[in-house]
Amino acid sequence: MEQTVVFDRGFLAGLGTVLAMIAFVGICLWAYSGRNKARFKEAALLPFADEERSLESDGDGDSHLETPGKTETSQRDGK
């Protein structure tokens, strides 16, 4: 006697849930593994890496970007 396997909606939904759970656990293990700790610490500091060139107000309400190597006084004096 031959049996046929029917993939109904419930079976496919359950299979999708199991696959999503396996992917979630895999991503968690990867993210919290010790091999990535140094790389993630460095990436966590990236928002603070550009502080020198952030937008500042120069007193008259205009915002400008600082040019690396130039001070505020030299920018105002046109040097």
C-alpha atoms as a PDB file:
ATOM      1  CA  MET A   1       0.000   0.000   0.000  1.00  0.00           C
ATOM      2  CA  GLU A   2       1.290   3.414  -0.954  1.00  0.00           C
ATOM      3  CA  GLN A   3       0.898   6.464   1.301  1.00  0.00           C
ATOM      4  CA  THR A   4       0.863  10.023   0.093  1.00  0.00           C
ATOM      5  CA  VAL A   5       2.110  12.884   2.213  1.00  0.00           C
ATOM      6  CA  VAL A   6      -0.094  15.948   2.194  1.00  0.00           C
ATOM      7  CA  PHE A   7       1.494  19.296   2.999  1.00  0.00           C
ATOM      8  CA  ASP A   8      -1.441  21.254   4.292  1.00  0.00           C
ATOM      9  CA  ARG A   9      -1.437  24.818   5.603  1.00  0.00           C
ATOM     10  CA  GLY A  10      -0.895  23.806   9.245  1.00  0.00           C
ATOM     11  CA  PHE A  11       2.129  21.662   8.448  1.00  0.00           C
ATOM     12  CA  LEU A  12       3.753  24.400   6.369  1.00  0.00           C
ATOM     13  CA  ALA A  13       3.071  27.020   9.075  1.00  0.00           C
ATOM     14  CA  GLY A  14       4.648  24.758  11.700  1.00  0.00           C
ATOM     15  CA  LEU A  15       7.652  24.102   9.484  1.00  0.00           C
ATOM     16  CA  GLY A  16       8.079  27.848   8.913  1.00  0.00           C
ATOM     17  CA  THR A  17       7.914  28.469  12.663  1.00  0.00           C
ATOM     18  CA  VAL A  18      10.566  25.846  13.375  1.00  0.00           C
ATOM     19  CA  LEU A  19      12.866  27.259  10.678  1.00  0.00           C
ATOM     20  CA  ALA A  20      12.412  30.816  12.000  1.00  0.00           C
ATOM     21  CA  MET A  21      13.201  29.647  15.537  1.00  0.00           C
ATOM     22  CA  ILE A  22      16.358  27.870  14.358  1.00  0.00           C
ATOM     23  CA  ALA A  23      17.456  31.031  12.499  1.00  0.00           C
ATOM     24  CA  PHE A  24      16.760  33.193  15.584  1.00  0.00           C
ATOM     25  CA  VAL A  25      18.782  30.928  17.879  1.00  0.00           C
ATOM     26  CA  GLY A  26      21.614  30.837  15.325  1.00  0.00           C
ATOM     27  CA  ILE A  27      21.735  34.628  15.082  1.00  0.00           C
ATOM     28  CA  CYS A  28      21.721  34.951  18.894  1.00  0.00           C
ATOM     29  CA  LEU A  29      24.585  32.478  19.228  1.00  0.00           C
ATOM     30  CA  TRP A  30      26.554  34.339  16.542  1.00  0.00           C
ATOM     31  CA  ALA A  31      25.904  37.769  18.082  1.00  0.00           C
ATOM     32  CA  TYR A  32      26.897  36.750  21.609  1.00  0.00           C
ATOM     33  CA  SER A  33      29.881  34.579  20.713  1.00  0.00           C
ATOM     34  CA  GLY A  34      33.240  35.685  22.051  1.00  0.00           C
ATOM     35  CA  ARG A  35      34.814  35.919  18.593  1.00  0.00           C
ATOM     36  CA  ASN A  36      32.738  38.990  17.705  1.00  0.00           C
ATOM     37  CA  LYS A  37      33.139  40.922  20.955  1.00  0.00           C
ATOM     38  CA  ALA A  38      36.021  43.169  19.820  1.00  0.00           C
ATOM     39  CA  ARG A  39      34.385  43.914  16.469  1.00  0.00           C
ATOM     40  CA  PHE A  40      31.063  44.818  18.084  1.00  0.00           C
ATOM     41  CA  LYS A  41      32.771  47.034  20.689  1.00  0.00           C
ATOM     42  CA  GLU A  42      34.454  48.970  17.885  1.00  0.00           C
ATOM     43  CA  ALA A  43      31.178  49.257  15.964  1.00  0.00           C
ATOM     44  CA  ALA A  44      29.401  50.538  19.092  1.00  0.00           C
ATOM     45  CA  LEU A  45      31.787  53.518  19.189  1.00  0.00           C
ATOM     46  CA  LEU A  46      31.263  54.526  15.539  1.00  0.00           C
ATOM     47  CA  PRO A  47      28.593  57.186  16.297  1.00  0.00           C
ATOM     48  CA  PHE A  48      31.166  59.053  18.403  1.00  0.00           C
ATOM     49  CA  ALA A  49      34.021  58.840  15.861  1.00  0.00           C
ATOM     50  CA  ASP A  50      32.997  61.977  13.949  1.00  0.00           C
ATOM     51  CA  GLU A  51      32.606  64.386  16.886  1.00  0.00           C
ATOM     52  CA  GLU A  52      35.321  66.727  15.594  1.00  0.00           C
ATOM     53  CA  ARG A  53      33.360  67.434  12.409  1.00  0.00           C
ATOM     54  CA  SER A  54      29.900  67.715  13.926  1.00  0.00           C
ATOM     55  CA  LEU A  55      27.559  70.620  13.239  1.00  0.00           C
ATOM     56  CA  GLU A  56      28.217  73.570  15.499  1.00  0.00           C
ATOM     57  CA  SER A  57      26.722  77.018  15.861  1.00  0.00           C
ATOM     58  CA  ASP A  58      29.261  79.812  15.380  1.00  0.00           C
ATOM     59  CA  GLY A  59      27.286  82.414  17.327  1.00  0.00           C
ATOM     60  CA  ASP A  60      25.350  84.055  14.511  1.00  0.00           C
ATOM     61  CA  GLY A  61      22.856  81.224  14.126  1.00  0.00           C
ATOM     62  CA  ASP A  62      24.516  79.675  11.082  1.00  0.00           C
ATOM     63  CA  SER A  63      25.663  76.092  11.305  1.00  0.00           C
ATOM     64  CA  HIS A  64      28.842  74.920   9.626  1.00  0.00           C
ATOM     65  CA  LEU A  65      31.049  71.895   9.466  1.00  0.00           C
ATOM     66  CA  GLU A  66      34.495  72.262  10.949  1.00  0.00           C
ATOM     67  CA  THR A  67      37.311  71.683   8.527  1.00  0.00           C
ATOM     68  CA  PRO A  68      39.901  69.250   9.901  1.00  0.00           C
ATOM     69  CA  GLY A  69      43.145  71.019  10.771  1.00  0.00           C
ATOM     70  CA  LYS A  70      41.593  74.481  11.052  1.00  0.00           C
ATOM     71  CA  THR A  71      40.554  76.146  14.259  1.00  0.00           C
ATOM     72  CA  GLU A  72      37.408  78.210  14.745  1.00  0.00           C
ATOM     73  CA  THR A  73      39.353  81.482  14.866  1.00  0.00           C
ATOM     74  CA  SER A  74      41.209  80.746  11.639  1.00  0.00           C
ATOM     75  CA  GLN A  75      37.904  79.934   9.931  1.00  0.00           C
ATOM     76  CA  ARG A  76      36.389  83.236  11.035  1.00  0.00           C
ATOM     77  CA  ASP A  77      39.477  85.186   9.986  1.00  0.00           C
ATOM     78  CA  GLY A  78      39.395  83.537   6.552  1.00  0.00           C
ATOM     79  CA  LYS A  79      42.741  81.791   6.993  1.00  0.00           C
END
